[in-house]
Amino acid sequence: MIAGIGKEAEIFFYACLTGCTALLAYAVLRKAREIVRHSVLAAGLEDLVFWIGVSIYVFRQMYHTTYGSIRWYFIAGMLAGAGAAQGGLCFASQMCTKLKKMLEKLKKNR
């Protein structure tokens, strides 16, 4: 394998992790909003602070992995990582729903 391609694959992997982290952090924020109801203004301020924080995080990751240059495969990796995390969240949600139905069915049979 060419050394440059190996480094690009490593950067792509870190970009996927960055995308996963950003999406999962937003999922936690959404679930926190479901638990504690917020006004529209509070939710807007939370979003603003969140996206500023994510922008700083993504810039830091991009700066450390690609030495400050924007690479399209980094952006593609972030999208791929976010897509993988979303798929994982959907799968986990479906499994929780099935488990809940199964437990309710067992409870009725007792």
PDB file of N, CA and C in Angstrom:
ATOM      1  N   MET A   1       0.843  -1.166   0.000  1.00  0.00           N
ATOM      2  CA  MET A   1       0.000   0.000   0.000  1.00  0.00           C
ATOM      3  C   MET A   1       0.894   1.238   0.000  1.00  0.00           C
ATOM      4  N   ILE A   2       0.496   2.222  -0.737  1.00  0.00           N
ATOM      5  CA  ILE A   2       1.240   3.468  -0.794  1.00  0.00           C
ATOM      6  C   ILE A   2       1.062   4.198   0.529  1.00  0.00           C
ATOM      7  N   ALA A   3       2.156   4.799   1.030  1.00  0.00           N
ATOM      8  CA  ALA A   3       2.115   5.463   2.338  1.00  0.00           C
ATOM      9  C   ALA A   3       1.090   6.590   2.351  1.00  0.00           C
ATOM     10  N   GLY A   4       0.943   7.329   1.261  1.00  0.00           N
ATOM     11  CA  GLY A   4      -0.009   8.437   1.211  1.00  0.00           C
ATOM     12  C   GLY A   4      -1.440   7.968   1.320  1.00  0.00           C
ATOM     13  N   ILE A   5      -1.744   6.828   0.697  1.00  0.00           N
ATOM     14  CA  ILE A   5      -3.103   6.290   0.754  1.00  0.00           C
ATOM     15  C   ILE A   5      -3.416   5.817   2.174  1.00  0.00           C
ATOM     16  N   GLY A   6      -2.436   5.245   2.844  1.00  0.00           N
ATOM     17  CA  GLY A   6      -2.632   4.817   4.228  1.00  0.00           C
ATOM     18  C   GLY A   6      -2.944   5.996   5.139  1.00  0.00           C
ATOM     19  N   LYS A   7      -2.245   7.094   4.940  1.00  0.00           N
ATOM     20  CA  LYS A   7      -2.498   8.293   5.735  1.00  0.00           C
ATOM     21  C   LYS A   7      -3.889   8.855   5.438  1.00  0.00           C
ATOM     22  N   GLU A   8      -4.283   8.838   4.169  1.00  0.00           N
ATOM     23  CA  GLU A   8      -5.618   9.315   3.799  1.00  0.00           C
ATOM     24  C   GLU A   8      -6.699   8.422   4.404  1.00  0.00           C
ATOM     25  N   ALA A   9      -6.467   7.121   4.460  1.00  0.00           N
ATOM     26  CA  ALA A   9      -7.427   6.205   5.079  1.00  0.00           C
ATOM     27  C   ALA A   9      -7.540   6.490   6.578  1.00  0.00           C
ATOM     28  N   GLU A  10      -6.421   6.796   7.211  1.00  0.00           N
ATOM     29  CA  GLU A  10      -6.439   7.148   8.628  1.00  0.00           C
ATOM     30  C   GLU A  10      -7.228   8.439   8.855  1.00  0.00           C
ATOM     31  N   ILE A  11      -7.022   9.418   8.001  1.00  0.00           N
ATOM     32  CA  ILE A  11      -7.752  10.684   8.102  1.00  0.00           C
ATOM     33  C   ILE A  11      -9.242  10.444   7.879  1.00  0.00           C
ATOM     34  N   PHE A  12      -9.592   9.595   6.906  1.00  0.00           N
ATOM     35  CA  PHE A  12     -10.993   9.265   6.647  1.00  0.00           C
ATOM     36  C   PHE A  12     -11.623   8.611   7.871  1.00  0.00           C
ATOM     37  N   PHE A  13     -10.875   7.714   8.534  1.00  0.00           N
ATOM     38  CA  PHE A  13     -11.370   7.059   9.744  1.00  0.00           C
ATOM     39  C   PHE A  13     -11.634   8.086  10.838  1.00  0.00           C
ATOM     40  N   TYR A  14     -10.710   9.012  11.046  1.00  0.00           N
ATOM     41  CA  TYR A  14     -10.910  10.046  12.063  1.00  0.00           C
ATOM     42  C   TYR A  14     -12.072  10.965  11.688  1.00  0.00           C
ATOM     43  N   ALA A  15     -12.251  11.200  10.413  1.00  0.00           N
ATOM     44  CA  ALA A  15     -13.386  12.009   9.970  1.00  0.00           C
ATOM     45  C   ALA A  15     -14.699  11.287  10.262  1.00  0.00           C
ATOM     46  N   CYS A  16     -14.730   9.974  10.055  1.00  0.00           N
ATOM     47  CA  CYS A  16     -15.939   9.194  10.391  1.00  0.00           C
ATOM     48  C   CYS A  16     -16.233   9.280  11.878  1.00  0.00           C
ATOM     49  N   LEU A  17     -15.204   9.190  12.698  1.00  0.00           N
ATOM     50  CA  LEU A  17     -15.404   9.316  14.140  1.00  0.00           C
ATOM     51  C   LEU A  17     -15.908  10.706  14.512  1.00  0.00           C
ATOM     52  N   THR A  18     -15.418  11.720  13.822  1.00  0.00           N
ATOM     53  CA  THR A  18     -15.867  13.088  14.071  1.00  0.00           C
ATOM     54  C   THR A  18     -17.348  13.226  13.732  1.00  0.00           C
ATOM     55  N   GLY A  19     -17.770  12.685  12.594  1.00  0.00           N
ATOM     56  CA  GLY A  19     -19.174  12.728  12.205  1.00  0.00           C
ATOM     57  C   GLY A  19     -20.056  11.974  13.181  1.00  0.00           C
ATOM     58  N   CYS A  20     -19.600  10.803  13.624  1.00  0.00           N
ATOM     59  CA  CYS A  20     -20.355  10.021  14.610  1.00  0.00           C
ATOM     60  C   CYS A  20     -20.503  10.795  15.910  1.00  0.00           C
ATOM     61  N   THR A  21     -19.422  11.395  16.360  1.00  0.00           N
ATOM     62  CA  THR A  21     -19.447  12.141  17.618  1.00  0.00           C
ATOM     63  C   THR A  21     -20.421  13.304  17.545  1.00  0.00           C
ATOM     64  N   ALA A  22     -20.372  14.048  16.452  1.00  0.00           N
ATOM     65  CA  ALA A  22     -21.270  15.202  16.309  1.00  0.00           C
ATOM     66  C   ALA A  22     -22.726  14.761  16.278  1.00  0.00           C
ATOM     67  N   LEU A  23     -23.036  13.717  15.530  1.00  0.00           N
ATOM     68  CA  LEU A  23     -24.425  13.271  15.436  1.00  0.00           C
ATOM     69  C   LEU A  23     -24.918  12.688  16.753  1.00  0.00           C
ATOM     70  N   LEU A  24     -24.092  11.906  17.424  1.00  0.00           N
ATOM     71  CA  LEU A  24     -24.509  11.324  18.693  1.00  0.00           C
ATOM     72  C   LEU A  24     -24.672  12.394  19.775  1.00  0.00           C
ATOM     73  N   ALA A  25     -23.834  13.426  19.739  1.00  0.00           N
ATOM     74  CA  ALA A  25     -23.991  14.531  20.690  1.00  0.00           C
ATOM     75  C   ALA A  25     -25.322  15.243  20.458  1.00  0.00           C
ATOM     76  N   TYR A  26     -25.700  15.424  19.200  1.00  0.00           N
ATOM     77  CA  TYR A  26     -26.982  16.067  18.918  1.00  0.00           C
ATOM     78  C   TYR A  26     -28.147  15.161  19.322  1.00  0.00           C
ATOM     79  N   ALA A  27     -27.980  13.856  19.176  1.00  0.00           N
ATOM     80  CA  ALA A  27     -29.019  12.920  19.606  1.00  0.00           C
ATOM     81  C   ALA A  27     -29.228  13.010  21.118  1.00  0.00           C
ATOM     82  N   VAL A  28     -28.140  13.162  21.863  1.00  0.00           N
ATOM     83  CA  VAL A  28     -28.246  13.328  23.311  1.00  0.00           C
ATOM     84  C   VAL A  28     -28.981  14.627  23.630  1.00  0.00           C
ATOM     85  N   LEU A  29     -28.669  15.695  22.900  1.00  0.00           N
ATOM     86  CA  LEU A  29     -29.349  16.974  23.105  1.00  0.00           C
ATOM     87  C   LEU A  29     -30.852  16.848  22.824  1.00  0.00           C
ATOM     88  N   ARG A  30     -31.204  16.141  21.750  1.00  0.00           N
ATOM     89  CA  ARG A  30     -32.630  15.942  21.433  1.00  0.00           C
ATOM     90  C   ARG A  30     -33.337  15.155  22.525  1.00  0.00           C
ATOM     91  N   LYS A  31     -32.703  14.102  23.030  1.00  0.00           N
ATOM     92  CA  LYS A  31     -33.315  13.298  24.095  1.00  0.00           C
ATOM     93  C   LYS A  31     -33.443  14.112  25.378  1.00  0.00           C
ATOM     94  N   ALA A  32     -32.472  14.957  25.662  1.00  0.00           N
ATOM     95  CA  ALA A  32     -32.554  15.819  26.842  1.00  0.00           C
ATOM     96  C   ALA A  32     -33.727  16.790  26.703  1.00  0.00           C
ATOM     97  N   ARG A  33     -33.990  17.255  25.491  1.00  0.00           N
ATOM     98  CA  ARG A  33     -35.129  18.135  25.261  1.00  0.00           C
ATOM     99  C   ARG A  33     -36.450  17.401  25.448  1.00  0.00           C
ATOM    100  N   GLU A  34     -36.479  16.115  25.144  1.00  0.00           N
ATOM    101  CA  GLU A  34     -37.698  15.342  25.366  1.00  0.00           C
ATOM    102  C   GLU A  34     -37.956  15.134  26.852  1.00  0.00           C
ATOM    103  N   ILE A  35     -36.899  14.979  27.628  1.00  0.00           N
ATOM    104  CA  ILE A  35     -37.039  14.763  29.062  1.00  0.00           C
ATOM    105  C   ILE A  35     -37.438  16.056  29.755  1.00  0.00           C
ATOM    106  N   VAL A  36     -36.736  17.152  29.435  1.00  0.00           N
ATOM    107  CA  VAL A  36     -37.018  18.453  30.039  1.00  0.00           C
ATOM    108  C   VAL A  36     -37.482  19.380  28.929  1.00  0.00           C
ATOM    109  N   ARG A  37     -38.752  19.765  28.975  1.00  0.00           N
ATOM    110  CA  ARG A  37     -39.306  20.634  27.937  1.00  0.00           C
ATOM    111  C   ARG A  37     -38.692  22.021  28.026  1.00  0.00           C
ATOM    112  N   HIS A  38     -38.434  22.611  26.849  1.00  0.00           N
ATOM    113  CA  HIS A  38     -37.836  23.940  26.765  1.00  0.00           C
ATOM    114  C   HIS A  38     -38.742  24.856  25.958  1.00  0.00           C
ATOM    115  N   SER A  39     -38.574  26.148  26.172  1.00  0.00           N
ATOM    116  CA  SER A  39     -39.262  27.116  25.321  1.00  0.00           C
ATOM    117  C   SER A  39     -38.531  27.170  23.978  1.00  0.00           C
ATOM    118  N   VAL A  40     -39.159  27.797  23.014  1.00  0.00           N
ATOM    119  CA  VAL A  40     -38.554  27.913  21.691  1.00  0.00           C
ATOM    120  C   VAL A  40     -37.257  28.713  21.767  1.00  0.00           C
ATOM    121  N   LEU A  41     -37.238  29.750  22.572  1.00  0.00           N
ATOM    122  CA  LEU A  41     -36.041  30.573  22.725  1.00  0.00           C
ATOM    123  C   LEU A  41     -34.902  29.769  23.349  1.00  0.00           C
ATOM    124  N   ALA A  42     -35.202  29.006  24.383  1.00  0.00           N
ATOM    125  CA  ALA A  42     -34.168  28.194  25.034  1.00  0.00           C
ATOM    126  C   ALA A  42     -33.629  27.134  24.072  1.00  0.00           C
ATOM    127  N   ALA A  43     -34.512  26.507  23.310  1.00  0.00           N
ATOM    128  CA  ALA A  43     -34.073  25.494  22.346  1.00  0.00           C
ATOM    129  C   ALA A  43     -33.203  26.135  21.270  1.00  0.00           C
ATOM    130  N   GLY A  44     -33.572  27.334  20.831  1.00  0.00           N
ATOM    131  CA  GLY A  44     -32.765  28.040  19.837  1.00  0.00           C
ATOM    132  C   GLY A  44     -31.381  28.392  20.367  1.00  0.00           C
ATOM    133  N   LEU A  45     -31.324  28.834  21.623  1.00  0.00           N
ATOM    134  CA  LEU A  45     -30.020  29.144  22.223  1.00  0.00           C
ATOM    135  C   LEU A  45     -29.178  27.883  22.407  1.00  0.00           C
ATOM    136  N   GLU A  46     -29.821  26.796  22.792  1.00  0.00           N
ATOM    137  CA  GLU A  46     -29.094  25.526  22.906  1.00  0.00           C
ATOM    138  C   GLU A  46     -28.519  25.116  21.557  1.00  0.00           C
ATOM    139  N   ASP A  47     -29.332  25.233  20.515  1.00  0.00           N
ATOM    140  CA  ASP A  47     -28.855  24.892  19.177  1.00  0.00           C
ATOM    141  C   ASP A  47     -27.683  25.770  18.763  1.00  0.00           C
ATOM    142  N   LEU A  48     -27.777  27.063  19.029  1.00  0.00           N
ATOM    143  CA  LEU A  48     -26.703  27.979  18.677  1.00  0.00           C
ATOM    144  C   LEU A  48     -25.410  27.602  19.383  1.00  0.00           C
ATOM    145  N   VAL A  49     -25.493  27.363  20.684  1.00  0.00           N
ATOM    146  CA  VAL A  49     -24.308  26.967  21.445  1.00  0.00           C
ATOM    147  C   VAL A  49     -23.783  25.618  20.958  1.00  0.00           C
ATOM    148  N   PHE A  50     -24.693  24.682  20.688  1.00  0.00           N
ATOM    149  CA  PHE A  50     -24.273  23.363  20.206  1.00  0.00           C
ATOM    150  C   PHE A  50     -23.520  23.475  18.885  1.00  0.00           C
ATOM    151  N   TRP A  51     -24.092  24.203  17.921  1.00  0.00           N
ATOM    152  CA  TRP A  51     -23.463  24.273  16.605  1.00  0.00           C
ATOM    153  C   TRP A  51     -22.170  25.067  16.621  1.00  0.00           C
ATOM    154  N   ILE A  52     -22.059  26.047  17.485  1.00  0.00           N
ATOM    155  CA  ILE A  52     -20.767  26.733  17.641  1.00  0.00           C
ATOM    156  C   ILE A  52     -19.741  25.757  18.201  1.00  0.00           C
ATOM    157  N   GLY A  53     -20.154  24.986  19.211  1.00  0.00           N
ATOM    158  CA  GLY A  53     -19.249  23.987  19.782  1.00  0.00           C
ATOM    159  C   GLY A  53     -18.852  22.917  18.777  1.00  0.00           C
ATOM    160  N   VAL A  54     -19.811  22.433  17.991  1.00  0.00           N
ATOM    161  CA  VAL A  54     -19.498  21.422  16.976  1.00  0.00           C
ATOM    162  C   VAL A  54     -18.575  22.001  15.907  1.00  0.00           C
ATOM    163  N   SER A  55     -18.800  23.257  15.537  1.00  0.00           N
ATOM    164  CA  SER A  55     -17.937  23.900  14.540  1.00  0.00           C
ATOM    165  C   SER A  55     -16.501  23.983  15.038  1.00  0.00           C
ATOM    166  N   ILE A  56     -16.341  24.332  16.304  1.00  0.00           N
ATOM    167  CA  ILE A  56     -14.992  24.386  16.888  1.00  0.00           C
ATOM    168  C   ILE A  56     -14.380  22.994  16.922  1.00  0.00           C
ATOM    169  N   TYR A  57     -15.171  22.001  17.319  1.00  0.00           N
ATOM    170  CA  TYR A  57     -14.681  20.625  17.381  1.00  0.00           C
ATOM    171  C   TYR A  57     -14.265  20.117  16.001  1.00  0.00           C
ATOM    172  N   VAL A  58     -15.105  20.346  14.990  1.00  0.00           N
ATOM    173  CA  VAL A  58     -14.793  19.877  13.637  1.00  0.00           C
ATOM    174  C   VAL A  58     -13.562  20.610  13.104  1.00  0.00           C
ATOM    175  N   PHE A  59     -13.475  21.908  13.333  1.00  0.00           N
ATOM    176  CA  PHE A  59     -12.295  22.657  12.885  1.00  0.00           C
ATOM    177  C   PHE A  59     -11.044  22.119  13.547  1.00  0.00           C
ATOM    178  N   ARG A  60     -11.119  21.839  14.850  1.00  0.00           N
ATOM    179  CA  ARG A  60      -9.958  21.313  15.577  1.00  0.00           C
ATOM    180  C   ARG A  60      -9.549  19.951  15.023  1.00  0.00           C
ATOM    181  N   GLN A  61     -10.537  19.086  14.795  1.00  0.00           N
ATOM    182  CA  GLN A  61     -10.233  17.765  14.243  1.00  0.00           C
ATOM    183  C   GLN A  61      -9.624  17.880  12.845  1.00  0.00           C
ATOM    184  N   MET A  62     -10.214  18.744  12.035  1.00  0.00           N
ATOM    185  CA  MET A  62      -9.700  18.915  10.683  1.00  0.00           C
ATOM    186  C   MET A  62      -8.287  19.503  10.708  1.00  0.00           C
ATOM    187  N   TYR A  63      -8.052  20.420  11.602  1.00  0.00           N
ATOM    188  CA  TYR A  63      -6.740  21.055  11.702  1.00  0.00           C
ATOM    189  C   TYR A  63      -5.685  20.049  12.133  1.00  0.00           C
ATOM    190  N   HIS A  64      -6.023  19.199  13.115  1.00  0.00           N
ATOM    191  CA  HIS A  64      -5.043  18.236  13.614  1.00  0.00           C
ATOM    192  C   HIS A  64      -4.802  17.075  12.652  1.00  0.00           C
ATOM    193  N   THR A  65      -5.821  16.659  11.920  1.00  0.00           N
ATOM    194  CA  THR A  65      -5.645  15.495  11.053  1.00  0.00           C
ATOM    195  C   THR A  65      -5.148  15.855   9.656  1.00  0.00           C
ATOM    196  N   THR A  66      -5.576  17.000   9.132  1.00  0.00           N
ATOM    197  CA  THR A  66      -5.162  17.369   7.770  1.00  0.00           C
ATOM    198  C   THR A  66      -4.248  18.581   7.759  1.00  0.00           C
ATOM    199  N   TYR A  67      -3.769  18.967   8.921  1.00  0.00           N
ATOM    200  CA  TYR A  67      -2.828  20.084   9.056  1.00  0.00           C
ATOM    201  C   TYR A  67      -3.398  21.376   8.489  1.00  0.00           C
ATOM    202  N   GLY A  68      -4.688  21.598   8.722  1.00  0.00           N
ATOM    203  CA  GLY A  68      -5.326  22.857   8.374  1.00  0.00           C
ATOM    204  C   GLY A  68      -5.871  22.963   6.971  1.00  0.00           C
ATOM    205  N   SER A  69      -5.643  21.976   6.133  1.00  0.00           N
ATOM    206  CA  SER A  69      -6.176  22.059   4.770  1.00  0.00           C
ATOM    207  C   SER A  69      -7.474  21.272   4.682  1.00  0.00           C
ATOM    208  N   ILE A  70      -8.410  21.815   3.929  1.00  0.00           N
ATOM    209  CA  ILE A  70      -9.695  21.149   3.782  1.00  0.00           C
ATOM    210  C   ILE A  70      -9.562  20.060   2.723  1.00  0.00           C
ATOM    211  N   ARG A  71      -9.873  18.852   3.100  1.00  0.00           N
ATOM    212  CA  ARG A  71      -9.848  17.715   2.180  1.00  0.00           C
ATOM    213  C   ARG A  71     -11.278  17.232   1.996  1.00  0.00           C
ATOM    214  N   TRP A  72     -11.655  16.964   0.762  1.00  0.00           N
ATOM    215  CA  TRP A  72     -13.026  16.524   0.499  1.00  0.00           C
ATOM    216  C   TRP A  72     -13.301  15.163   1.101  1.00  0.00           C
ATOM    217  N   TYR A  73     -12.280  14.316   1.195  1.00  0.00           N
ATOM    218  CA  TYR A  73     -12.533  13.013   1.791  1.00  0.00           C
ATOM    219  C   TYR A  73     -12.740  13.138   3.301  1.00  0.00           C
ATOM    220  N   PHE A  74     -12.268  14.220   3.922  1.00  0.00           N
ATOM    221  CA  PHE A  74     -12.580  14.454   5.325  1.00  0.00           C
ATOM    222  C   PHE A  74     -14.066  14.774   5.477  1.00  0.00           C
ATOM    223  N   ILE A  75     -14.573  15.611   4.614  1.00  0.00           N
ATOM    224  CA  ILE A  75     -15.994  15.960   4.653  1.00  0.00           C
ATOM    225  C   ILE A  75     -16.840  14.730   4.316  1.00  0.00           C
ATOM    226  N   ALA A  76     -16.403  13.958   3.317  1.00  0.00           N
ATOM    227  CA  ALA A  76     -17.120  12.730   2.967  1.00  0.00           C
ATOM    228  C   ALA A  76     -17.088  11.740   4.137  1.00  0.00           C
ATOM    229  N   GLY A  77     -15.966  11.672   4.826  1.00  0.00           N
ATOM    230  CA  GLY A  77     -15.854  10.794   5.988  1.00  0.00           C
ATOM    231  C   GLY A  77     -16.767  11.216   7.115  1.00  0.00           C
ATOM    232  N   MET A  78     -16.888  12.529   7.322  1.00  0.00           N
ATOM    233  CA  MET A  78     -17.806  13.019   8.350  1.00  0.00           C
ATOM    234  C   MET A  78     -19.245  12.642   8.017  1.00  0.00           C
ATOM    235  N   LEU A  79     -19.617  12.796   6.758  1.00  0.00           N
ATOM    236  CA  LEU A  79     -20.972  12.430   6.336  1.00  0.00           C
ATOM    237  C   LEU A  79     -21.200  10.928   6.469  1.00  0.00           C
ATOM    238  N   ALA A  80     -20.190  10.147   6.107  1.00  0.00           N
ATOM    239  CA  ALA A  80     -20.305   8.693   6.235  1.00  0.00           C
ATOM    240  C   ALA A  80     -20.429   8.286   7.703  1.00  0.00           C
ATOM    241  N   GLY A  81     -19.651   8.909   8.560  1.00  0.00           N
ATOM    242  CA  GLY A  81     -19.725   8.611   9.987  1.00  0.00           C
ATOM    243  C   GLY A  81     -21.069   8.997  10.583  1.00  0.00           C
ATOM    244  N   ALA A  82     -21.585  10.167  10.188  1.00  0.00           N
ATOM    245  CA  ALA A  82     -22.893  10.599  10.676  1.00  0.00           C
ATOM    246  C   ALA A  82     -23.981   9.658  10.169  1.00  0.00           C
ATOM    247  N   GLY A  83     -23.869   9.216   8.918  1.00  0.00           N
ATOM    248  CA  GLY A  83     -24.838   8.264   8.375  1.00  0.00           C
ATOM    249  C   GLY A  83     -24.795   6.934   9.100  1.00  0.00           C
ATOM    250  N   ALA A  84     -23.595   6.471   9.412  1.00  0.00           N
ATOM    251  CA  ALA A  84     -23.452   5.216  10.149  1.00  0.00           C
ATOM    252  C   ALA A  84     -24.027   5.341  11.555  1.00  0.00           C
ATOM    253  N   ALA A  85     -23.788   6.474  12.192  1.00  0.00           N
ATOM    254  CA  ALA A  85     -24.331   6.685  13.537  1.00  0.00           C
ATOM    255  C   ALA A  85     -25.851   6.756  13.495  1.00  0.00           C
ATOM    256  N   GLN A  86     -26.404   7.407  12.478  1.00  0.00           N
ATOM    257  CA  GLN A  86     -27.859   7.483  12.348  1.00  0.00           C
ATOM    258  C   GLN A  86     -28.443   6.095  12.129  1.00  0.00           C
ATOM    259  N   GLY A  87     -27.794   5.302  11.302  1.00  0.00           N
ATOM    260  CA  GLY A  87     -28.248   3.922  11.098  1.00  0.00           C
ATOM    261  C   GLY A  87     -28.190   3.119  12.384  1.00  0.00           C
ATOM    262  N   GLY A  88     -27.134   3.312  13.154  1.00  0.00           N
ATOM    263  CA  GLY A  88     -27.017   2.632  14.442  1.00  0.00           C
ATOM    264  C   GLY A  88     -28.097   3.062  15.419  1.00  0.00           C
ATOM    265  N   LEU A  89     -28.408   4.359  15.427  1.00  0.00           N
ATOM    266  CA  LEU A  89     -29.473   4.857  16.304  1.00  0.00           C
ATOM    267  C   LEU A  89     -30.832   4.287  15.904  1.00  0.00           C
ATOM    268  N   CYS A  90     -31.096   4.226  14.607  1.00  0.00           N
ATOM    269  CA  CYS A  90     -32.364   3.652  14.130  1.00  0.00           C
ATOM    270  C   CYS A  90     -32.467   2.179  14.506  1.00  0.00           C
ATOM    271  N   PHE A  91     -31.378   1.447  14.333  1.00  0.00           N
ATOM    272  CA  PHE A  91     -31.357   0.023  14.681  1.00  0.00           C
ATOM    273  C   PHE A  91     -31.587  -0.159  16.176  1.00  0.00           C
ATOM    274  N   ALA A  92     -30.912   0.645  16.996  1.00  0.00           N
ATOM    275  CA  ALA A  92     -31.075   0.540  18.447  1.00  0.00           C
ATOM    276  C   ALA A  92     -32.499   0.884  18.861  1.00  0.00           C
ATOM    277  N   SER A  93     -33.090   1.880  18.211  1.00  0.00           N
ATOM    278  CA  SER A  93     -34.463   2.257  18.517  1.00  0.00           C
ATOM    279  C   SER A  93     -35.433   1.124  18.182  1.00  0.00           C
ATOM    280  N   GLN A  94     -35.224   0.490  17.042  1.00  0.00           N
ATOM    281  CA  GLN A  94     -36.076  -0.636  16.650  1.00  0.00           C
ATOM    282  C   GLN A  94     -35.929  -1.806  17.623  1.00  0.00           C
ATOM    283  N   MET A  95     -34.700  -2.069  18.050  1.00  0.00           N
ATOM    284  CA  MET A  95     -34.474  -3.167  18.993  1.00  0.00           C
ATOM    285  C   MET A  95     -35.123  -2.860  20.344  1.00  0.00           C
ATOM    286  N   CYS A  96     -35.037  -1.612  20.787  1.00  0.00           N
ATOM    287  CA  CYS A  96     -35.687  -1.232  22.054  1.00  0.00           C
ATOM    288  C   CYS A  96     -37.203  -1.367  21.960  1.00  0.00           C
ATOM    289  N   THR A  97     -37.765  -0.988  20.822  1.00  0.00           N
ATOM    290  CA  THR A  97     -39.203  -1.119  20.629  1.00  0.00           C
ATOM    291  C   THR A  97     -39.618  -2.586  20.652  1.00  0.00           C
ATOM    292  N   LYS A  98     -38.863  -3.449  19.961  1.00  0.00           N
ATOM    293  CA  LYS A  98     -39.178  -4.881  19.954  1.00  0.00           C
ATOM    294  C   LYS A  98     -39.035  -5.479  21.349  1.00  0.00           C
ATOM    295  N   LEU A  99     -37.997  -5.065  22.070  1.00  0.00           N
ATOM    296  CA  LEU A  99     -37.790  -5.574  23.419  1.00  0.00           C
ATOM    297  C   LEU A  99     -38.920  -5.133  24.339  1.00  0.00           C
ATOM    298  N   LYS A 100     -39.352  -3.895  24.199  1.00  0.00           N
ATOM    299  CA  LYS A 100     -40.455  -3.382  25.013  1.00  0.00           C
ATOM    300  C   LYS A 100     -41.738  -4.166  24.738  1.00  0.00           C
ATOM    301  N   LYS A 101     -42.042  -4.416  23.460  1.00  0.00           N
ATOM    302  CA  LYS A 101     -43.238  -5.192  23.117  1.00  0.00           C
ATOM    303  C   LYS A 101     -43.144  -6.608  23.661  1.00  0.00           C
ATOM    304  N   MET A 102     -41.956  -7.207  23.562  1.00  0.00           N
ATOM    305  CA  MET A 102     -41.779  -8.559  24.052  1.00  0.00           C
ATOM    306  C   MET A 102     -41.967  -8.615  25.572  1.00  0.00           C
ATOM    307  N   LEU A 103     -41.436  -7.628  26.283  1.00  0.00           N
ATOM    308  CA  LEU A 103     -41.591  -7.594  27.735  1.00  0.00           C
ATOM    309  C   LEU A 103     -43.040  -7.346  28.132  1.00  0.00           C
ATOM    310  N   GLU A 104     -43.750  -6.499  27.391  1.00  0.00           N
ATOM    311  CA  GLU A 104     -45.173  -6.269  27.670  1.00  0.00           C
ATOM    312  C   GLU A 104     -45.980  -7.541  27.436  1.00  0.00           C
ATOM    313  N   LYS A 105     -45.619  -8.275  26.391  1.00  0.00           N
ATOM    314  CA  LYS A 105     -46.315  -9.528  26.087  1.00  0.00           C
ATOM    315  C   LYS A 105     -46.065 -10.562  27.201  1.00  0.00           C
ATOM    316  N   LEU A 106     -44.830 -10.630  27.683  1.00  0.00           N
ATOM    317  CA  LEU A 106     -44.513 -11.541  28.783  1.00  0.00           C
ATOM    318  C   LEU A 106     -45.253 -11.141  30.051  1.00  0.00           C
ATOM    319  N   LYS A 107     -45.390  -9.850  30.275  1.00  0.00           N
ATOM    320  CA  LYS A 107     -46.086  -9.359  31.469  1.00  0.00           C
ATOM    321  C   LYS A 107     -47.563  -9.720  31.428  1.00  0.00           C
ATOM    322  N   LYS A 108     -48.174  -9.647  30.231  1.00  0.00           N
ATOM    323  CA  LYS A 108     -49.584  -9.996  30.084  1.00  0.00           C
ATOM    324  C   LYS A 108     -49.812 -11.477  30.308  1.00  0.00           C
ATOM    325  N   ASN A 109     -48.863 -12.302  29.886  1.00  0.00           N
ATOM    326  CA  ASN A 109     -48.999 -13.750  30.010  1.00  0.00           C
ATOM    327  C   ASN A 109     -48.829 -14.248  31.433  1.00  0.00           C
ATOM    328  N   ARG A 110     -48.335 -13.445  32.309  1.00  0.00           N
ATOM    329  CA  ARG A 110     -48.134 -13.874  33.701  1.00  0.00           C
ATOM    330  C   ARG A 110     -49.385 -13.928  34.437  1.00  0.00           C
TER     331      ARG A 110
END
